Amino acid sequence: MYQRILVAVDGSETSRRAFDAALELAKAMGSTLQPFYVIENTPMYFDAPGYDPSILRNQMIAQGKELAEQMNKVLRERGVQGEMLTGEASSLDDVPTLVLNAAKTNGADLIVMGTHGRRGFQRLILGSVAERCVRQSTLPVLLIPSAAGASATDAE
């Protein structure tokens, strides 16, 4: 059914659960799986006096490289084709835009994402990448909630 799956990853436990779900789906369907990591350059970080934005950017690049090594290894071990892709957000292209563009560019027919389940003020302030992707996507989007796969004691 799905030949090419793109899964958004950011190093969080929620995105790891989304990766695991996408991996199982890709393995079962014989699909190609492409994890996609975005280096964020959030403008509010740049407005602080004396702040050097290259420090955060370099940390995110290093995290992306580490994630790529881990996820590409898991893909090979599980016999699933694909490798991690990386994008970099800017003032013109935010994270949801990059995820949707990567899916289109790479011919994905399904996007898998984790969702943190924020509500109220937190959601208003932080926004929701997953929600924006769902609203703007022309492809099916599978959302994996942060509590998926967690034991009852983890969820508490």
N, C-alpha and C. Protein backbone atom coordinates (compact mmCIF):
# COMPACT_ATOMS: atom_id res chain seq x y z
N MET A 1 0.82 -1.19 0.00
CA MET A 1 0.00 0.00 0.00
C MET A 1 0.86 1.26 0.00
N TYR A 2 1.80 1.37 0.96
CA TYR A 2 2.72 2.51 1.00
C TYR A 2 4.09 2.03 0.57
N GLN A 3 4.64 2.68 -0.46
CA GLN A 3 5.95 2.30 -0.99
C GLN A 3 7.09 3.10 -0.39
N ARG A 4 6.82 4.39 -0.10
CA ARG A 4 7.85 5.28 0.44
C ARG A 4 7.26 6.02 1.65
N ILE A 5 7.88 5.82 2.79
CA ILE A 5 7.40 6.43 4.04
C ILE A 5 8.45 7.41 4.53
N LEU A 6 8.03 8.61 4.88
CA LEU A 6 8.91 9.60 5.49
C LEU A 6 8.50 9.73 6.95
N VAL A 7 9.46 9.63 7.86
CA VAL A 7 9.17 9.79 9.29
C VAL A 7 10.00 10.96 9.82
N ALA A 8 9.32 11.92 10.44
CA ALA A 8 9.98 13.08 11.03
C ALA A 8 10.59 12.68 12.37
N VAL A 9 11.88 12.99 12.55
CA VAL A 9 12.57 12.65 13.80
C VAL A 9 13.28 13.89 14.34
N ASP A 10 13.36 13.97 15.67
CA ASP A 10 14.05 15.10 16.28
C ASP A 10 14.89 14.69 17.49
N GLY A 11 15.01 13.39 17.71
CA GLY A 11 15.79 12.92 18.84
C GLY A 11 15.00 12.72 20.12
N SER A 12 13.75 13.17 20.15
CA SER A 12 12.92 13.00 21.34
C SER A 12 12.42 11.56 21.44
N GLU A 13 11.96 11.20 22.62
CA GLU A 13 11.39 9.86 22.82
C GLU A 13 10.15 9.68 21.94
N THR A 14 9.38 10.73 21.78
CA THR A 14 8.18 10.66 20.94
C THR A 14 8.55 10.38 19.49
N SER A 15 9.59 11.04 18.99
CA SER A 15 9.97 10.79 17.59
C SER A 15 10.60 9.41 17.43
N ARG A 16 11.23 8.91 18.48
CA ARG A 16 11.77 7.54 18.41
C ARG A 16 10.62 6.52 18.33
N ARG A 17 9.55 6.79 19.03
CA ARG A 17 8.37 5.90 18.93
C ARG A 17 7.78 5.97 17.53
N ALA A 18 7.75 7.16 16.95
CA ALA A 18 7.25 7.32 15.58
C ALA A 18 8.16 6.56 14.61
N PHE A 19 9.48 6.65 14.82
CA PHE A 19 10.43 5.93 13.98
C PHE A 19 10.19 4.42 14.09
N ASP A 20 10.03 3.94 15.31
CA ASP A 20 9.80 2.51 15.52
C ASP A 20 8.52 2.04 14.82
N ALA A 21 7.46 2.84 14.91
CA ALA A 21 6.19 2.48 14.26
C ALA A 21 6.35 2.49 12.74
N ALA A 22 7.04 3.51 12.23
CA ALA A 22 7.27 3.60 10.78
C ALA A 22 8.14 2.46 10.30
N LEU A 23 9.12 2.08 11.11
CA LEU A 23 10.01 0.98 10.77
C LEU A 23 9.24 -0.34 10.66
N GLU A 24 8.37 -0.59 11.63
CA GLU A 24 7.56 -1.80 11.60
C GLU A 24 6.64 -1.82 10.38
N LEU A 25 6.05 -0.68 10.08
CA LEU A 25 5.17 -0.57 8.92
C LEU A 25 5.95 -0.79 7.63
N ALA A 26 7.11 -0.17 7.51
CA ALA A 26 7.94 -0.31 6.32
C ALA A 26 8.41 -1.76 6.15
N LYS A 27 8.79 -2.38 7.24
CA LYS A 27 9.24 -3.78 7.20
C LYS A 27 8.09 -4.68 6.73
N ALA A 28 6.90 -4.48 7.28
CA ALA A 28 5.75 -5.32 6.94
C ALA A 28 5.31 -5.13 5.49
N MET A 29 5.48 -3.91 4.97
CA MET A 29 5.00 -3.61 3.62
C MET A 29 6.09 -3.65 2.56
N GLY A 30 7.34 -3.86 2.99
CA GLY A 30 8.44 -3.84 2.03
C GLY A 30 8.68 -2.44 1.48
N SER A 31 8.42 -1.43 2.29
CA SER A 31 8.54 -0.03 1.87
C SER A 31 9.94 0.52 2.15
N THR A 32 10.26 1.60 1.48
CA THR A 32 11.45 2.37 1.79
C THR A 32 11.09 3.35 2.90
N LEU A 33 11.98 3.51 3.87
CA LEU A 33 11.74 4.41 4.99
C LEU A 33 12.82 5.48 5.02
N GLN A 34 12.38 6.74 5.06
CA GLN A 34 13.33 7.84 5.12
C GLN A 34 13.07 8.68 6.35
N PRO A 35 13.89 8.51 7.40
CA PRO A 35 13.81 9.44 8.53
C PRO A 35 14.23 10.83 8.05
N PHE A 36 13.61 11.85 8.59
CA PHE A 36 13.92 13.23 8.19
C PHE A 36 14.11 14.07 9.45
N TYR A 37 15.28 14.69 9.55
CA TYR A 37 15.68 15.50 10.70
C TYR A 37 15.85 16.95 10.26
N VAL A 38 15.31 17.88 11.04
CA VAL A 38 15.41 19.30 10.70
C VAL A 38 16.28 20.01 11.74
N ILE A 39 17.24 20.76 11.23
CA ILE A 39 18.05 21.64 12.07
C ILE A 39 17.26 22.94 12.17
N GLU A 40 16.81 23.25 13.37
CA GLU A 40 15.99 24.44 13.57
C GLU A 40 16.86 25.66 13.84
N ASN A 41 16.50 26.75 13.22
CA ASN A 41 17.13 28.03 13.48
C ASN A 41 16.05 28.99 13.92
N THR A 42 15.53 28.74 15.11
CA THR A 42 14.41 29.54 15.61
C THR A 42 14.85 30.97 15.85
N PRO A 43 14.19 31.95 15.24
CA PRO A 43 14.62 33.35 15.34
C PRO A 43 14.73 33.87 16.76
N MET A 44 13.88 33.40 17.70
CA MET A 44 13.94 33.96 19.04
C MET A 44 15.28 33.67 19.71
N TYR A 45 15.98 32.63 19.30
CA TYR A 45 17.30 32.34 19.87
C TYR A 45 18.31 33.40 19.44
N PHE A 46 18.09 34.01 18.32
CA PHE A 46 19.06 34.93 17.75
C PHE A 46 18.93 36.34 18.31
N ASP A 47 17.85 36.63 19.00
CA ASP A 47 17.62 37.99 19.50
C ASP A 47 18.27 38.26 20.86
N ALA A 48 18.77 37.25 21.52
CA ALA A 48 19.36 37.45 22.85
C ALA A 48 20.72 38.12 22.71
N PRO A 49 20.94 39.19 23.47
CA PRO A 49 22.23 39.89 23.39
C PRO A 49 23.38 38.96 23.79
N GLY A 50 24.44 38.98 23.03
CA GLY A 50 25.62 38.18 23.34
C GLY A 50 25.49 36.71 23.01
N TYR A 51 24.36 36.32 22.46
CA TYR A 51 24.15 34.90 22.14
C TYR A 51 24.77 34.57 20.79
N ASP A 52 25.50 33.49 20.74
CA ASP A 52 26.11 33.02 19.50
C ASP A 52 25.26 31.88 18.95
N PRO A 53 24.47 32.12 17.90
CA PRO A 53 23.57 31.09 17.39
C PRO A 53 24.28 29.88 16.80
N SER A 54 25.55 30.02 16.47
CA SER A 54 26.27 28.89 15.89
C SER A 54 26.45 27.76 16.91
N ILE A 55 26.44 28.07 18.19
CA ILE A 55 26.60 27.04 19.23
C ILE A 55 25.43 26.06 19.17
N LEU A 56 24.21 26.60 19.19
CA LEU A 56 23.02 25.75 19.13
C LEU A 56 22.95 25.02 17.80
N ARG A 57 23.23 25.72 16.71
CA ARG A 57 23.19 25.11 15.38
C ARG A 57 24.19 23.94 15.30
N ASN A 58 25.38 24.15 15.80
CA ASN A 58 26.39 23.08 15.76
C ASN A 58 25.97 21.88 16.60
N GLN A 59 25.31 22.13 17.73
CA GLN A 59 24.80 21.03 18.56
C GLN A 59 23.71 20.25 17.83
N MET A 60 22.84 20.98 17.12
CA MET A 60 21.77 20.30 16.38
C MET A 60 22.34 19.51 15.20
N ILE A 61 23.37 20.03 14.56
CA ILE A 61 24.01 19.30 13.47
C ILE A 61 24.65 18.02 14.01
N ALA A 62 25.32 18.13 15.15
CA ALA A 62 25.95 16.95 15.77
C ALA A 62 24.88 15.92 16.16
N GLN A 63 23.77 16.40 16.73
CA GLN A 63 22.68 15.49 17.09
C GLN A 63 22.14 14.80 15.85
N GLY A 64 21.99 15.53 14.76
CA GLY A 64 21.50 14.97 13.51
C GLY A 64 22.43 13.88 12.98
N LYS A 65 23.73 14.12 13.06
CA LYS A 65 24.70 13.12 12.58
C LYS A 65 24.63 11.85 13.44
N GLU A 66 24.51 12.05 14.75
CA GLU A 66 24.40 10.90 15.66
C GLU A 66 23.12 10.11 15.39
N LEU A 67 22.01 10.82 15.22
CA LEU A 67 20.74 10.16 14.89
C LEU A 67 20.83 9.41 13.57
N ALA A 68 21.47 10.02 12.59
CA ALA A 68 21.62 9.38 11.28
C ALA A 68 22.38 8.07 11.40
N GLU A 69 23.46 8.08 12.16
CA GLU A 69 24.23 6.85 12.36
C GLU A 69 23.36 5.77 13.00
N GLN A 70 22.65 6.15 14.07
CA GLN A 70 21.81 5.18 14.78
C GLN A 70 20.69 4.64 13.90
N MET A 71 19.98 5.54 13.25
CA MET A 71 18.81 5.12 12.47
C MET A 71 19.19 4.37 11.20
N ASN A 72 20.26 4.81 10.55
CA ASN A 72 20.71 4.09 9.35
C ASN A 72 21.18 2.68 9.71
N LYS A 73 21.80 2.54 10.89
CA LYS A 73 22.22 1.22 11.35
C LYS A 73 21.00 0.32 11.59
N VAL A 74 19.98 0.86 12.26
CA VAL A 74 18.76 0.09 12.53
C VAL A 74 18.08 -0.31 11.22
N LEU A 75 18.04 0.61 10.26
CA LEU A 75 17.44 0.29 8.96
C LEU A 75 18.16 -0.90 8.32
N ARG A 76 19.49 -0.85 8.31
CA ARG A 76 20.27 -1.96 7.72
C ARG A 76 20.03 -3.26 8.47
N GLU A 77 20.05 -3.19 9.81
CA GLU A 77 19.86 -4.40 10.62
C GLU A 77 18.49 -5.03 10.39
N ARG A 78 17.48 -4.21 10.17
CA ARG A 78 16.11 -4.72 9.97
C ARG A 78 15.81 -5.03 8.51
N GLY A 79 16.77 -4.75 7.62
CA GLY A 79 16.58 -5.04 6.21
C GLY A 79 15.59 -4.11 5.52
N VAL A 80 15.51 -2.87 6.01
CA VAL A 80 14.61 -1.87 5.41
C VAL A 80 15.47 -0.87 4.64
N GLN A 81 15.08 -0.60 3.40
CA GLN A 81 15.82 0.36 2.59
C GLN A 81 15.51 1.78 3.02
N GLY A 82 16.50 2.65 2.84
CA GLY A 82 16.34 4.06 3.14
C GLY A 82 17.49 4.58 3.96
N GLU A 83 17.58 5.88 4.07
CA GLU A 83 18.56 6.51 4.93
C GLU A 83 18.07 7.88 5.33
N MET A 84 18.62 8.37 6.44
CA MET A 84 18.13 9.63 6.99
C MET A 84 18.50 10.81 6.11
N LEU A 85 17.56 11.71 5.98
CA LEU A 85 17.75 12.97 5.27
C LEU A 85 17.72 14.10 6.29
N THR A 86 18.34 15.21 5.94
CA THR A 86 18.39 16.37 6.84
C THR A 86 17.98 17.62 6.09
N GLY A 87 17.28 18.51 6.77
CA GLY A 87 16.94 19.82 6.24
C GLY A 87 17.27 20.87 7.28
N GLU A 88 17.31 22.12 6.85
CA GLU A 88 17.59 23.20 7.80
C GLU A 88 16.53 24.28 7.68
N ALA A 89 15.88 24.55 8.80
CA ALA A 89 14.83 25.57 8.83
C ALA A 89 15.44 26.95 8.70
N SER A 90 14.64 27.85 8.17
CA SER A 90 15.05 29.24 8.03
C SER A 90 13.83 30.12 8.29
N SER A 91 14.00 31.40 8.11
CA SER A 91 12.85 32.29 8.29
C SER A 91 11.81 32.07 7.18
N LEU A 92 12.23 31.51 6.06
CA LEU A 92 11.30 31.25 4.96
C LEU A 92 10.71 29.85 5.01
N ASP A 93 11.48 28.89 5.46
CA ASP A 93 11.04 27.50 5.51
C ASP A 93 11.10 26.98 6.93
N ASP A 94 9.92 26.89 7.59
CA ASP A 94 9.87 26.37 8.94
C ASP A 94 9.80 24.84 8.91
N VAL A 95 9.75 24.23 10.07
CA VAL A 95 9.80 22.77 10.16
C VAL A 95 8.66 22.09 9.39
N PRO A 96 7.39 22.49 9.60
CA PRO A 96 6.32 21.81 8.84
C PRO A 96 6.51 21.92 7.33
N THR A 97 6.92 23.09 6.86
CA THR A 97 7.15 23.28 5.43
C THR A 97 8.24 22.34 4.93
N LEU A 98 9.32 22.23 5.69
CA LEU A 98 10.42 21.34 5.29
C LEU A 98 9.99 19.88 5.27
N VAL A 99 9.22 19.46 6.26
CA VAL A 99 8.74 18.07 6.31
C VAL A 99 7.88 17.78 5.08
N LEU A 100 6.94 18.66 4.79
CA LEU A 100 6.06 18.45 3.65
C LEU A 100 6.81 18.49 2.32
N ASN A 101 7.77 19.41 2.20
CA ASN A 101 8.58 19.47 0.98
C ASN A 101 9.46 18.23 0.82
N ALA A 102 10.02 17.74 1.92
CA ALA A 102 10.85 16.53 1.86
C ALA A 102 10.01 15.34 1.42
N ALA A 103 8.80 15.25 1.94
CA ALA A 103 7.91 14.15 1.55
C ALA A 103 7.61 14.21 0.05
N LYS A 104 7.34 15.40 -0.43
CA LYS A 104 7.03 15.58 -1.86
C LYS A 104 8.25 15.29 -2.72
N THR A 105 9.38 15.87 -2.37
CA THR A 105 10.62 15.71 -3.14
C THR A 105 11.05 14.25 -3.22
N ASN A 106 10.84 13.51 -2.14
CA ASN A 106 11.30 12.12 -2.08
C ASN A 106 10.21 11.12 -2.45
N GLY A 107 9.11 11.61 -2.95
CA GLY A 107 8.05 10.73 -3.44
C GLY A 107 7.36 9.91 -2.37
N ALA A 108 7.33 10.43 -1.15
CA ALA A 108 6.67 9.70 -0.06
C ALA A 108 5.17 9.61 -0.33
N ASP A 109 4.58 8.50 0.11
CA ASP A 109 3.12 8.39 0.03
C ASP A 109 2.50 8.28 1.42
N LEU A 110 3.34 8.43 2.46
CA LEU A 110 2.87 8.47 3.84
C LEU A 110 3.89 9.24 4.67
N ILE A 111 3.39 10.08 5.57
CA ILE A 111 4.24 10.78 6.54
C ILE A 111 3.89 10.23 7.92
N VAL A 112 4.90 9.88 8.70
CA VAL A 112 4.70 9.43 10.08
C VAL A 112 5.38 10.43 10.99
N MET A 113 4.65 10.85 12.04
CA MET A 113 5.18 11.83 12.99
C MET A 113 4.73 11.50 14.39
N GLY A 114 5.55 11.86 15.34
CA GLY A 114 5.14 11.78 16.73
C GLY A 114 4.44 13.06 17.10
N THR A 115 3.56 12.97 18.08
CA THR A 115 2.89 14.17 18.58
C THR A 115 3.01 14.20 20.09
N HIS A 116 3.36 15.35 20.61
CA HIS A 116 3.60 15.49 22.05
C HIS A 116 2.32 15.66 22.85
N GLY A 117 1.23 15.94 22.19
CA GLY A 117 -0.05 16.06 22.89
C GLY A 117 -0.16 17.27 23.77
N ARG A 118 0.50 18.37 23.38
CA ARG A 118 0.39 19.59 24.18
C ARG A 118 -1.01 20.16 24.06
N ARG A 119 -1.44 20.83 25.12
CA ARG A 119 -2.77 21.43 25.11
C ARG A 119 -2.68 22.87 25.63
N GLY A 120 -3.75 23.59 25.41
CA GLY A 120 -3.90 24.92 26.00
C GLY A 120 -2.78 25.88 25.67
N PHE A 121 -2.29 26.55 26.70
CA PHE A 121 -1.30 27.62 26.54
C PHE A 121 -0.01 27.10 25.91
N GLN A 122 0.44 25.90 26.34
CA GLN A 122 1.66 25.32 25.79
C GLN A 122 1.56 25.17 24.28
N ARG A 123 0.41 24.68 23.82
CA ARG A 123 0.21 24.47 22.39
C ARG A 123 0.14 25.81 21.66
N LEU A 124 -0.48 26.79 22.30
CA LEU A 124 -0.58 28.11 21.70
C LEU A 124 0.80 28.72 21.52
N ILE A 125 1.64 28.63 22.53
CA ILE A 125 2.97 29.22 22.49
C ILE A 125 3.92 28.40 21.60
N LEU A 126 3.95 27.09 21.79
CA LEU A 126 4.90 26.24 21.08
C LEU A 126 4.41 25.83 19.70
N GLY A 127 3.11 25.88 19.49
CA GLY A 127 2.57 25.45 18.21
C GLY A 127 2.65 23.94 18.09
N SER A 128 2.22 23.43 16.97
CA SER A 128 2.28 22.01 16.76
C SER A 128 2.70 21.73 15.33
N VAL A 129 3.90 21.22 15.18
CA VAL A 129 4.41 20.84 13.87
C VAL A 129 3.51 19.78 13.27
N ALA A 130 3.14 18.79 14.07
CA ALA A 130 2.30 17.70 13.57
C ALA A 130 0.95 18.23 13.10
N GLU A 131 0.34 19.12 13.87
CA GLU A 131 -0.96 19.66 13.48
C GLU A 131 -0.87 20.43 12.17
N ARG A 132 0.18 21.24 12.02
CA ARG A 132 0.33 21.98 10.76
C ARG A 132 0.55 21.06 9.58
N CYS A 133 1.32 19.99 9.79
CA CYS A 133 1.54 19.03 8.71
C CYS A 133 0.24 18.34 8.31
N VAL A 134 -0.55 17.95 9.30
CA VAL A 134 -1.83 17.31 9.01
C VAL A 134 -2.72 18.26 8.21
N ARG A 135 -2.79 19.49 8.63
CA ARG A 135 -3.67 20.46 7.98
C ARG A 135 -3.23 20.80 6.55
N GLN A 136 -1.93 20.82 6.31
CA GLN A 136 -1.41 21.27 5.01
C GLN A 136 -1.04 20.14 4.06
N SER A 137 -0.97 18.93 4.55
CA SER A 137 -0.51 17.81 3.72
C SER A 137 -1.56 17.35 2.72
N THR A 138 -1.07 16.94 1.57
CA THR A 138 -1.93 16.28 0.59
C THR A 138 -1.76 14.77 0.68
N LEU A 139 -0.89 14.33 1.58
CA LEU A 139 -0.62 12.90 1.81
C LEU A 139 -1.24 12.45 3.12
N PRO A 140 -1.46 11.16 3.28
CA PRO A 140 -1.87 10.67 4.60
C PRO A 140 -0.76 10.93 5.62
N VAL A 141 -1.16 11.28 6.84
CA VAL A 141 -0.21 11.51 7.93
C VAL A 141 -0.63 10.62 9.09
N LEU A 142 0.29 9.77 9.52
CA LEU A 142 0.05 8.88 10.66
C LEU A 142 0.71 9.51 11.88
N LEU A 143 -0.10 9.85 12.89
CA LEU A 143 0.42 10.45 14.12
C LEU A 143 0.56 9.40 15.20
N ILE A 144 1.72 9.38 15.83
CA ILE A 144 2.00 8.46 16.93
C ILE A 144 2.04 9.29 18.21
N PRO A 145 1.09 9.08 19.12
CA PRO A 145 1.06 9.89 20.34
C PRO A 145 2.25 9.59 21.25
N SER A 146 2.60 10.56 22.07
CA SER A 146 3.76 10.41 22.94
C SER A 146 3.63 9.23 23.88
N ALA A 147 2.41 8.85 24.24
CA ALA A 147 2.20 7.73 25.16
C ALA A 147 2.18 6.37 24.45
N ALA A 148 2.24 6.35 23.13
CA ALA A 148 2.18 5.07 22.39
C ALA A 148 3.37 4.20 22.77
N GLY A 149 3.07 2.98 23.07
CA GLY A 149 4.13 2.02 23.40
C GLY A 149 4.66 2.14 24.81
N ALA A 150 4.18 3.13 25.56
CA ALA A 150 4.64 3.29 26.93
C ALA A 150 3.85 2.37 27.84
N SER A 151 4.51 1.88 28.87
CA SER A 151 3.79 1.06 29.84
C SER A 151 2.90 1.95 30.69
N ALA A 152 2.01 1.39 31.43
CA ALA A 152 1.09 2.16 32.26
C ALA A 152 1.86 3.03 33.28
N THR A 153 2.97 2.52 33.80
CA THR A 153 3.74 3.31 34.77
C THR A 153 4.48 4.44 34.08
N ASP A 154 4.92 4.26 32.82
CA ASP A 154 5.58 5.34 32.08
C ASP A 154 4.61 6.48 31.81
N ALA A 155 3.37 6.14 31.45
CA ALA A 155 2.36 7.14 31.10
C ALA A 155 1.99 8.01 32.30
N GLU A 156 2.11 7.46 33.51
CA GLU A 156 1.76 8.21 34.70
C GLU A 156 2.86 9.16 35.02
